[in-house]
Structures are given as C-alpha cells and as structure tokens.
Amino acid sequence: VDVRCGVGVASVAGTGKVEKVVLSDGTELDADVVVVGI
C-alpha cells in the first residue's frame, strides 16, 4: 500500500465515473474507485 500522510485531497475528477484524485500538494492519482473514510 502507498501510504501518503500529511496531505489532503483537493478534488476528484472524471467523466461519469471517478478517474483521478488531486491532492492538496498538486499530486494527481489515477483511481478507479475512491473510498471516503473520514
């Protein structure tokens, strides 16, 4: 597992389905599924 701490999520994006998660530091992560556990 890639554990990234000390950073938040700025936004998610996609067309109809989620495709990308943008972190608060500008990093973009490809994603087929996003689970919100806050």
ModelCIF file with pLDDT and N, C-alpha, C, O atoms, coordinates in Angstrom:
data_MODEL
#
_entry.id   MODEL 
#
_entity.id                         1 
_entity.type                       polymer 
_entity.pdbx_number_of_molecules   1 
#
_entity_poly.entity_id                      1 
_entity_poly.type                           'polypeptide(L)' 
_entity_poly.nstd_linkage                   no 
_entity_poly.nstd_monomer                   no 
_entity_poly.pdbx_seq_one_letter_code       VDVRCGVGVASVAGTGKVEKVVLSDGTELDADVVVVGI 
_entity_poly.pdbx_seq_one_letter_code_can   VDVRCGVGVASVAGTGKVEKVVLSDGTELDADVVVVGI 
_entity_poly.pdbx_strand_id                 A 
#
loop_
_entity_poly_seq.entity_id 
_entity_poly_seq.num 
_entity_poly_seq.mon_id 
_entity_poly_seq.hetero 
1 1  VAL n 
1 2  ASP n 
1 3  VAL n 
1 4  ARG n 
1 5  CYS n 
1 6  GLY n 
1 7  VAL n 
1 8  GLY n 
1 9  VAL n 
1 10 ALA n 
1 11 SER n 
1 12 VAL n 
1 13 ALA n 
1 14 GLY n 
1 15 THR n 
1 16 GLY n 
1 17 LYS n 
1 18 VAL n 
1 19 GLU n 
1 20 LYS n 
1 21 VAL n 
1 22 VAL n 
1 23 LEU n 
1 24 SER n 
1 25 ASP n 
1 26 GLY n 
1 27 THR n 
1 28 GLU n 
1 29 LEU n 
1 30 ASP n 
1 31 ALA n 
1 32 ASP n 
1 33 VAL n 
1 34 VAL n 
1 35 VAL n 
1 36 VAL n 
1 37 GLY n 
1 38 ILE n 
#
_struct_asym.id          A 
_struct_asym.entity_id   1 
#
loop_
_ma_qa_metric.id 
_ma_qa_metric.mode 
_ma_qa_metric.name 
_ma_qa_metric.software_group_id 
_ma_qa_metric.type 
1 global pLDDT . pLDDT 
2 local  pLDDT . pLDDT 
#
_ma_qa_metric_global.metric_id      1 
_ma_qa_metric_global.metric_value   96.63 
_ma_qa_metric_global.model_id       1 
_ma_qa_metric_global.ordinal_id     1 
#
loop_
_ma_qa_metric_local.label_asym_id 
_ma_qa_metric_local.label_comp_id 
_ma_qa_metric_local.label_seq_id 
_ma_qa_metric_local.metric_id 
_ma_qa_metric_local.metric_value 
_ma_qa_metric_local.model_id 
_ma_qa_metric_local.ordinal_id 
A VAL 1  2 98.00 1 1  
A ASP 2  2 98.00 1 2  
A VAL 3  2 98.00 1 3  
A ARG 4  2 98.00 1 4  
A CYS 5  2 98.00 1 5  
A GLY 6  2 97.00 1 6  
A VAL 7  2 97.00 1 7  
A GLY 8  2 96.00 1 8  
A VAL 9  2 97.00 1 9  
A ALA 10 2 96.00 1 10 
A SER 11 2 96.00 1 11 
A VAL 12 2 97.00 1 12 
A ALA 13 2 95.00 1 13 
A GLY 14 2 95.00 1 14 
A THR 15 2 95.00 1 15 
A GLY 16 2 94.00 1 16 
A LYS 17 2 95.00 1 17 
A VAL 18 2 95.00 1 18 
A GLU 19 2 97.00 1 19 
A LYS 20 2 97.00 1 20 
A VAL 21 2 98.00 1 21 
A VAL 22 2 98.00 1 22 
A LEU 23 2 98.00 1 23 
A SER 24 2 97.00 1 24 
A ASP 25 2 97.00 1 25 
A GLY 26 2 97.00 1 26 
A THR 27 2 97.00 1 27 
A GLU 28 2 97.00 1 28 
A LEU 29 2 98.00 1 29 
A ASP 30 2 97.00 1 30 
A ALA 31 2 97.00 1 31 
A ASP 32 2 95.00 1 32 
A VAL 33 2 96.00 1 33 
A VAL 34 2 97.00 1 34 
A VAL 35 2 97.00 1 35 
A VAL 36 2 97.00 1 36 
A GLY 37 2 95.00 1 37 
A ILE 38 2 95.00 1 38 
#
loop_
_atom_site.group_PDB 
_atom_site.id 
_atom_site.type_symbol 
_atom_site.label_atom_id 
_atom_site.label_alt_id 
_atom_site.label_comp_id 
_atom_site.label_asym_id 
_atom_site.label_entity_id 
_atom_site.label_seq_id 
_atom_site.pdbx_PDB_ins_code 
_atom_site.Cartn_x 
_atom_site.Cartn_y 
_atom_site.Cartn_z 
_atom_site.occupancy 
_atom_site.B_iso_or_equiv 
_atom_site.pdbx_formal_charge 
_atom_site.auth_seq_id 
_atom_site.auth_comp_id 
_atom_site.auth_asym_id 
_atom_site.auth_atom_id 
_atom_site.pdbx_PDB_model_num 
ATOM 1   N N  . VAL A 1 1  ? 0.845   -1.196 0.000   1.00 98.00 ? 1  VAL A N  1 
ATOM 2   C CA . VAL A 1 1  ? 0.000   0.000  0.000   1.00 98.00 ? 1  VAL A CA 1 
ATOM 3   C C  . VAL A 1 1  ? 0.882   1.248  0.000   1.00 98.00 ? 1  VAL A C  1 
ATOM 4   O O  . VAL A 1 1  ? 1.886   1.311  0.709   1.00 98.00 ? 1  VAL A O  1 
ATOM 5   N N  . ASP A 1 2  ? 0.496   2.233  -0.798  1.00 98.00 ? 2  ASP A N  1 
ATOM 6   C CA . ASP A 1 2  ? 1.182   3.523  -0.848  1.00 98.00 ? 2  ASP A CA 1 
ATOM 7   C C  . ASP A 1 2  ? 0.506   4.425  0.189   1.00 98.00 ? 2  ASP A C  1 
ATOM 8   O O  . ASP A 1 2  ? -0.612  4.891  -0.032  1.00 98.00 ? 2  ASP A O  1 
ATOM 9   N N  . VAL A 1 3  ? 1.178   4.673  1.317   1.00 98.00 ? 3  VAL A N  1 
ATOM 10  C CA . VAL A 1 3  ? 0.609   5.470  2.405   1.00 98.00 ? 3  VAL A CA 1 
ATOM 11  C C  . VAL A 1 3  ? 1.149   6.890  2.308   1.00 98.00 ? 3  VAL A C  1 
ATOM 12  O O  . VAL A 1 3  ? 2.352   7.112  2.442   1.00 98.00 ? 3  VAL A O  1 
ATOM 13  N N  . ARG A 1 4  ? 0.254   7.854  2.074   1.00 98.00 ? 4  ARG A N  1 
ATOM 14  C CA . ARG A 1 4  ? 0.660   9.251  1.943   1.00 98.00 ? 4  ARG A CA 1 
ATOM 15  C C  . ARG A 1 4  ? 0.001   10.066 3.059   1.00 98.00 ? 4  ARG A C  1 
ATOM 16  O O  . ARG A 1 4  ? -1.206  10.306 3.048   1.00 98.00 ? 4  ARG A O  1 
ATOM 17  N N  . CYS A 1 5  ? 0.824   10.480 4.017   1.00 98.00 ? 5  CYS A N  1 
ATOM 18  C CA . CYS A 1 5  ? 0.319   11.231 5.162   1.00 98.00 ? 5  CYS A CA 1 
ATOM 19  C C  . CYS A 1 5  ? 0.780   12.691 5.090   1.00 98.00 ? 5  CYS A C  1 
ATOM 20  O O  . CYS A 1 5  ? 1.705   13.032 4.353   1.00 98.00 ? 5  CYS A O  1 
ATOM 21  N N  . GLY A 1 6  ? 0.112   13.538 5.875   1.00 97.00 ? 6  GLY A N  1 
ATOM 22  C CA . GLY A 1 6  ? 0.439   14.956 5.868   1.00 97.00 ? 6  GLY A CA 1 
ATOM 23  C C  . GLY A 1 6  ? -0.040  15.671 4.624   1.00 97.00 ? 6  GLY A C  1 
ATOM 24  O O  . GLY A 1 6  ? 0.468   16.739 4.285   1.00 97.00 ? 6  GLY A O  1 
ATOM 25  N N  . VAL A 1 7  ? -1.008  15.094 3.944   1.00 97.00 ? 7  VAL A N  1 
ATOM 26  C CA . VAL A 1 7  ? -1.535  15.696 2.721   1.00 97.00 ? 7  VAL A CA 1 
ATOM 27  C C  . VAL A 1 7  ? -3.030  15.398 2.638   1.00 97.00 ? 7  VAL A C  1 
ATOM 28  O O  . VAL A 1 7  ? -3.496  14.349 3.081   1.00 97.00 ? 7  VAL A O  1 
ATOM 29  N N  . GLY A 1 8  ? -3.771  16.348 2.059   1.00 96.00 ? 8  GLY A N  1 
ATOM 30  C CA . GLY A 1 8  ? -5.207  16.165 1.922   1.00 96.00 ? 8  GLY A CA 1 
ATOM 31  C C  . GLY A 1 8  ? -5.622  15.985 0.476   1.00 96.00 ? 8  GLY A C  1 
ATOM 32  O O  . GLY A 1 8  ? -4.779  15.886 -0.415  1.00 96.00 ? 8  GLY A O  1 
ATOM 33  N N  . VAL A 1 9  ? -6.917  15.944 0.251   1.00 97.00 ? 9  VAL A N  1 
ATOM 34  C CA . VAL A 1 9  ? -7.471  15.799 -1.093  1.00 97.00 ? 9  VAL A CA 1 
ATOM 35  C C  . VAL A 1 9  ? -8.100  17.123 -1.510  1.00 97.00 ? 9  VAL A C  1 
ATOM 36  O O  . VAL A 1 9  ? -8.933  17.679 -0.794  1.00 97.00 ? 9  VAL A O  1 
ATOM 37  N N  . ALA A 1 10 ? -7.692  17.621 -2.676  1.00 96.00 ? 10 ALA A N  1 
ATOM 38  C CA . ALA A 1 10 ? -8.234  18.882 -3.183  1.00 96.00 ? 10 ALA A CA 1 
ATOM 39  C C  . ALA A 1 10 ? -9.492  18.667 -4.001  1.00 96.00 ? 10 ALA A C  1 
ATOM 40  O O  . ALA A 1 10 ? -10.446 19.439 -3.902  1.00 96.00 ? 10 ALA A O  1 
ATOM 41  N N  . SER A 1 11 ? -9.494  17.596 -4.823  1.00 96.00 ? 11 SER A N  1 
ATOM 42  C CA . SER A 1 11 ? -10.645 17.367 -5.692  1.00 96.00 ? 11 SER A CA 1 
ATOM 43  C C  . SER A 1 11 ? -10.580 15.976 -6.297  1.00 96.00 ? 11 SER A C  1 
ATOM 44  O O  . SER A 1 11 ? -9.551  15.303 -6.243  1.00 96.00 ? 11 SER A O  1 
ATOM 45  N N  . VAL A 1 12 ? -11.688 15.562 -6.867  1.00 97.00 ? 12 VAL A N  1 
ATOM 46  C CA . VAL A 1 12 ? -11.735 14.351 -7.677  1.00 97.00 ? 12 VAL A CA 1 
ATOM 47  C C  . VAL A 1 12 ? -12.320 14.736 -9.026  1.00 97.00 ? 12 VAL A C  1 
ATOM 48  O O  . VAL A 1 12 ? -13.050 15.719 -9.146  1.00 97.00 ? 12 VAL A O  1 
ATOM 49  N N  . ALA A 1 13 ? -11.987 13.946 -10.038 1.00 95.00 ? 13 ALA A N  1 
ATOM 50  C CA . ALA A 1 13 ? -12.451 14.277 -11.381 1.00 95.00 ? 13 ALA A CA 1 
ATOM 51  C C  . ALA A 1 13 ? -12.717 13.010 -12.171 1.00 95.00 ? 13 ALA A C  1 
ATOM 52  O O  . ALA A 1 13 ? -12.210 11.936 -11.847 1.00 95.00 ? 13 ALA A O  1 
ATOM 53  N N  . GLY A 1 14 ? -13.518 13.155 -13.208 1.00 95.00 ? 14 GLY A N  1 
ATOM 54  C CA . GLY A 1 14 ? -13.827 12.045 -14.084 1.00 95.00 ? 14 GLY A CA 1 
ATOM 55  C C  . GLY A 1 14 ? -15.024 12.383 -14.945 1.00 95.00 ? 14 GLY A C  1 
ATOM 56  O O  . GLY A 1 14 ? -15.701 13.385 -14.717 1.00 95.00 ? 14 GLY A O  1 
ATOM 57  N N  . THR A 1 15 ? -15.282 11.552 -15.925 1.00 95.00 ? 15 THR A N  1 
ATOM 58  C CA . THR A 1 15 ? -16.437 11.725 -16.797 1.00 95.00 ? 15 THR A CA 1 
ATOM 59  C C  . THR A 1 15 ? -17.416 10.594 -16.521 1.00 95.00 ? 15 THR A C  1 
ATOM 60  O O  . THR A 1 15 ? -17.259 9.481  -17.023 1.00 95.00 ? 15 THR A O  1 
ATOM 61  N N  . GLY A 1 16 ? -18.425 10.895 -15.718 1.00 94.00 ? 16 GLY A N  1 
ATOM 62  C CA . GLY A 1 16 ? -19.405 9.875  -15.350 1.00 94.00 ? 16 GLY A CA 1 
ATOM 63  C C  . GLY A 1 16 ? -18.946 8.986  -14.218 1.00 94.00 ? 16 GLY A C  1 
ATOM 64  O O  . GLY A 1 16 ? -19.739 8.610  -13.354 1.00 94.00 ? 16 GLY A O  1 
ATOM 65  N N  . LYS A 1 17 ? -17.667 8.649  -14.218 1.00 95.00 ? 17 LYS A N  1 
ATOM 66  C CA . LYS A 1 17 ? -17.101 7.828  -13.148 1.00 95.00 ? 17 LYS A CA 1 
ATOM 67  C C  . LYS A 1 17 ? -15.783 8.440  -12.701 1.00 95.00 ? 17 LYS A C  1 
ATOM 68  O O  . LYS A 1 17 ? -15.138 9.165  -13.459 1.00 95.00 ? 17 LYS A O  1 
ATOM 69  N N  . VAL A 1 18 ? -15.392 8.148  -11.483 1.00 95.00 ? 18 VAL A N  1 
ATOM 70  C CA . VAL A 1 18 ? -14.170 8.746  -10.963 1.00 95.00 ? 18 VAL A CA 1 
ATOM 71  C C  . VAL A 1 18 ? -12.954 8.208  -11.711 1.00 95.00 ? 18 VAL A C  1 
ATOM 72  O O  . VAL A 1 18 ? -12.861 7.010  -11.976 1.00 95.00 ? 18 VAL A O  1 
ATOM 73  N N  . GLU A 1 19 ? -12.029 9.095  -12.047 1.00 97.00 ? 19 GLU A N  1 
ATOM 74  C CA . GLU A 1 19 ? -10.830 8.707  -12.780 1.00 97.00 ? 19 GLU A CA 1 
ATOM 75  C C  . GLU A 1 19 ? -9.555  9.244  -12.141 1.00 97.00 ? 19 GLU A C  1 
ATOM 76  O O  . GLU A 1 19 ? -8.473  8.697  -12.351 1.00 97.00 ? 19 GLU A O  1 
ATOM 77  N N  . LYS A 1 20 ? -9.683  10.314 -11.362 1.00 97.00 ? 20 LYS A N  1 
ATOM 78  C CA . LYS A 1 20 ? -8.481  10.984 -10.865 1.00 97.00 ? 20 LYS A CA 1 
ATOM 79  C C  . LYS A 1 20 ? -8.774  11.637 -9.518  1.00 97.00 ? 20 LYS A C  1 
ATOM 80  O O  . LYS A 1 20 ? -9.860  12.169 -9.287  1.00 97.00 ? 20 LYS A O  1 
ATOM 81  N N  . VAL A 1 21 ? -7.769  11.583 -8.630  1.00 98.00 ? 21 VAL A N  1 
ATOM 82  C CA . VAL A 1 21 ? -7.820  12.284 -7.353  1.00 98.00 ? 21 VAL A CA 1 
ATOM 83  C C  . VAL A 1 21 ? -6.651  13.264 -7.320  1.00 98.00 ? 21 VAL A C  1 
ATOM 84  O O  . VAL A 1 21 ? -5.503  12.881 -7.543  1.00 98.00 ? 21 VAL A O  1 
ATOM 85  N N  . VAL A 1 22 ? -6.955  14.531 -7.041  1.00 98.00 ? 22 VAL A N  1 
ATOM 86  C CA . VAL A 1 22 ? -5.919  15.566 -6.966  1.00 98.00 ? 22 VAL A CA 1 
ATOM 87  C C  . VAL A 1 22 ? -5.684  15.890 -5.494  1.00 98.00 ? 22 VAL A C  1 
ATOM 88  O O  . VAL A 1 22 ? -6.613  16.254 -4.773  1.00 98.00 ? 22 VAL A O  1 
ATOM 89  N N  . LEU A 1 23 ? -4.436  15.754 -5.056  1.00 98.00 ? 23 LEU A N  1 
ATOM 90  C CA . LEU A 1 23 ? -4.092  16.013 -3.659  1.00 98.00 ? 23 LEU A CA 1 
ATOM 91  C C  . LEU A 1 23 ? -3.809  17.494 -3.432  1.00 98.00 ? 23 LEU A C  1 
ATOM 92  O O  . LEU A 1 23 ? -3.629  18.261 -4.378  1.00 98.00 ? 23 LEU A O  1 
ATOM 93  N N  . SER A 1 24 ? -3.775  17.877 -2.172  1.00 97.00 ? 24 SER A N  1 
ATOM 94  C CA . SER A 1 24 ? -3.572  19.285 -1.828  1.00 97.00 ? 24 SER A CA 1 
ATOM 95  C C  . SER A 1 24 ? -2.185  19.793 -2.213  1.00 97.00 ? 24 SER A C  1 
ATOM 96  O O  . SER A 1 24 ? -1.977  21.002 -2.313  1.00 97.00 ? 24 SER A O  1 
ATOM 97  N N  . ASP A 1 25 ? -1.237  18.884 -2.431  1.00 97.00 ? 25 ASP A N  1 
ATOM 98  C CA . ASP A 1 25 ? 0.103   19.296 -2.877  1.00 97.00 ? 25 ASP A CA 1 
ATOM 99  C C  . ASP A 1 25 ? 0.238   19.291 -4.387  1.00 97.00 ? 25 ASP A C  1 
ATOM 100 O O  . ASP A 1 25 ? 1.334   19.477 -4.915  1.00 97.00 ? 25 ASP A O  1 
ATOM 101 N N  . GLY A 1 26 ? -0.886  19.075 -5.096  1.00 97.00 ? 26 GLY A N  1 
ATOM 102 C CA . GLY A 1 26 ? -0.885  19.087 -6.552  1.00 97.00 ? 26 GLY A CA 1 
ATOM 103 C C  . GLY A 1 26 ? -0.697  17.729 -7.206  1.00 97.00 ? 26 GLY A C  1 
ATOM 104 O O  . GLY A 1 26 ? -0.880  17.600 -8.416  1.00 97.00 ? 26 GLY A O  1 
ATOM 105 N N  . THR A 1 27 ? -0.336  16.717 -6.432  1.00 97.00 ? 27 THR A N  1 
ATOM 106 C CA . THR A 1 27 ? -0.155  15.374 -6.982  1.00 97.00 ? 27 THR A CA 1 
ATOM 107 C C  . THR A 1 27 ? -1.476  14.844 -7.542  1.00 97.00 ? 27 THR A C  1 
ATOM 108 O O  . THR A 1 27 ? -2.532  15.031 -6.938  1.00 97.00 ? 27 THR A O  1 
ATOM 109 N N  . GLU A 1 28 ? -1.411  14.181 -8.701  1.00 97.00 ? 28 GLU A N  1 
ATOM 110 C CA . GLU A 1 28 ? -2.595  13.566 -9.295  1.00 97.00 ? 28 GLU A CA 1 
ATOM 111 C C  . GLU A 1 28 ? -2.461  12.051 -9.228  1.00 97.00 ? 28 GLU A C  1 
ATOM 112 O O  . GLU A 1 28 ? -1.440  11.489 -9.625  1.00 97.00 ? 28 GLU A O  1 
ATOM 113 N N  . LEU A 1 29 ? -3.497  11.400 -8.724  1.00 98.00 ? 29 LEU A N  1 
ATOM 114 C CA . LEU A 1 29 ? -3.518  9.947  -8.608  1.00 98.00 ? 29 LEU A CA 1 
ATOM 115 C C  . LEU A 1 29 ? -4.620  9.369  -9.498  1.00 98.00 ? 29 LEU A C  1 
ATOM 116 O O  . LEU A 1 29 ? -5.769  9.803  -9.425  1.00 98.00 ? 29 LEU A O  1 
ATOM 117 N N  . ASP A 1 30 ? -4.272  8.400  -10.328 1.00 97.00 ? 30 ASP A N  1 
ATOM 118 C CA . ASP A 1 30 ? -5.299  7.699  -11.088 1.00 97.00 ? 30 ASP A CA 1 
ATOM 119 C C  . ASP A 1 30 ? -6.099  6.812  -10.140 1.00 97.00 ? 30 ASP A C  1 
ATOM 120 O O  . ASP A 1 30 ? -5.532  6.216  -9.224  1.00 97.00 ? 30 ASP A O  1 
ATOM 121 N N  . ALA A 1 31 ? -7.407  6.722  -10.351 1.00 97.00 ? 31 ALA A N  1 
ATOM 122 C CA . ALA A 1 31 ? -8.254  5.937  -9.450  1.00 97.00 ? 31 ALA A CA 1 
ATOM 123 C C  . ALA A 1 31 ? -9.472  5.408  -10.182 1.00 97.00 ? 31 ALA A C  1 
ATOM 124 O O  . ALA A 1 31 ? -10.147 6.145  -10.901 1.00 97.00 ? 31 ALA A O  1 
ATOM 125 N N  . ASP A 1 32 ? -9.748  4.123  -9.995  1.00 95.00 ? 32 ASP A N  1 
ATOM 126 C CA . ASP A 1 32 ? -10.990 3.521  -10.491 1.00 95.00 ? 32 ASP A CA 1 
ATOM 127 C C  . ASP A 1 32 ? -12.069 3.545  -9.415  1.00 95.00 ? 32 ASP A C  1 
ATOM 128 O O  . ASP A 1 32 ? -13.262 3.514  -9.717  1.00 95.00 ? 32 ASP A O  1 
ATOM 129 N N  . VAL A 1 33 ? -11.640 3.599  -8.162  1.00 96.00 ? 33 VAL A N  1 
ATOM 130 C CA . VAL A 1 33 ? -12.574 3.647  -7.050  1.00 96.00 ? 33 VAL A CA 1 
ATOM 131 C C  . VAL A 1 33 ? -11.967 4.510  -5.947  1.00 96.00 ? 33 VAL A C  1 
ATOM 132 O O  . VAL A 1 33 ? -10.761 4.469  -5.703  1.00 96.00 ? 33 VAL A O  1 
ATOM 133 N N  . VAL A 1 34 ? -12.816 5.288  -5.287  1.00 97.00 ? 34 VAL A N  1 
ATOM 134 C CA . VAL A 1 34 ? -12.408 6.143  -4.174  1.00 97.00 ? 34 VAL A CA 1 
ATOM 135 C C  . VAL A 1 34 ? -13.312 5.820  -2.995  1.00 97.00 ? 34 VAL A C  1 
ATOM 136 O O  . VAL A 1 34 ? -14.537 5.832  -3.118  1.00 97.00 ? 34 VAL A O  1 
ATOM 137 N N  . VAL A 1 35 ? -12.703 5.532  -1.859  1.00 97.00 ? 35 VAL A N  1 
ATOM 138 C CA . VAL A 1 35 ? -13.478 5.252  -0.647  1.00 97.00 ? 35 VAL A CA 1 
ATOM 139 C C  . VAL A 1 35 ? -13.228 6.373  0.342   1.00 97.00 ? 35 VAL A C  1 
ATOM 140 O O  . VAL A 1 35 ? -12.084 6.649  0.705   1.00 97.00 ? 35 VAL A O  1 
ATOM 141 N N  . VAL A 1 36 ? -14.304 7.020  0.778   1.00 97.00 ? 36 VAL A N  1 
ATOM 142 C CA . VAL A 1 36 ? -14.217 8.107  1.737   1.00 97.00 ? 36 VAL A CA 1 
ATOM 143 C C  . VAL A 1 36 ? -14.412 7.541  3.141   1.00 97.00 ? 36 VAL A C  1 
ATOM 144 O O  . VAL A 1 36 ? -15.484 7.042  3.481   1.00 97.00 ? 36 VAL A O  1 
ATOM 145 N N  . GLY A 1 37 ? -13.364 7.628  3.940   1.00 95.00 ? 37 GLY A N  1 
ATOM 146 C CA . GLY A 1 37 ? -13.424 7.129  5.310   1.00 95.00 ? 37 GLY A CA 1 
ATOM 147 C C  . GLY A 1 37 ? -12.932 8.190  6.273   1.00 95.00 ? 37 GLY A C  1 
ATOM 148 O O  . GLY A 1 37 ? -11.906 8.014  6.930   1.00 95.00 ? 37 GLY A O  1 
ATOM 149 N N  . ILE A 1 38 ? -13.661 9.290  6.358   1.00 95.00 ? 38 ILE A N  1 
ATOM 150 C CA . ILE A 1 38 ? -13.201 10.458 7.129   1.00 95.00 ? 38 ILE A CA 1 
ATOM 151 C C  . ILE A 1 38 ? -13.972 10.612 8.440   1.00 95.00 ? 38 ILE A C  1 
ATOM 152 O O  . ILE A 1 38 ? -13.711 11.541 9.205   1.00 95.00 ? 38 ILE A O  1 
#
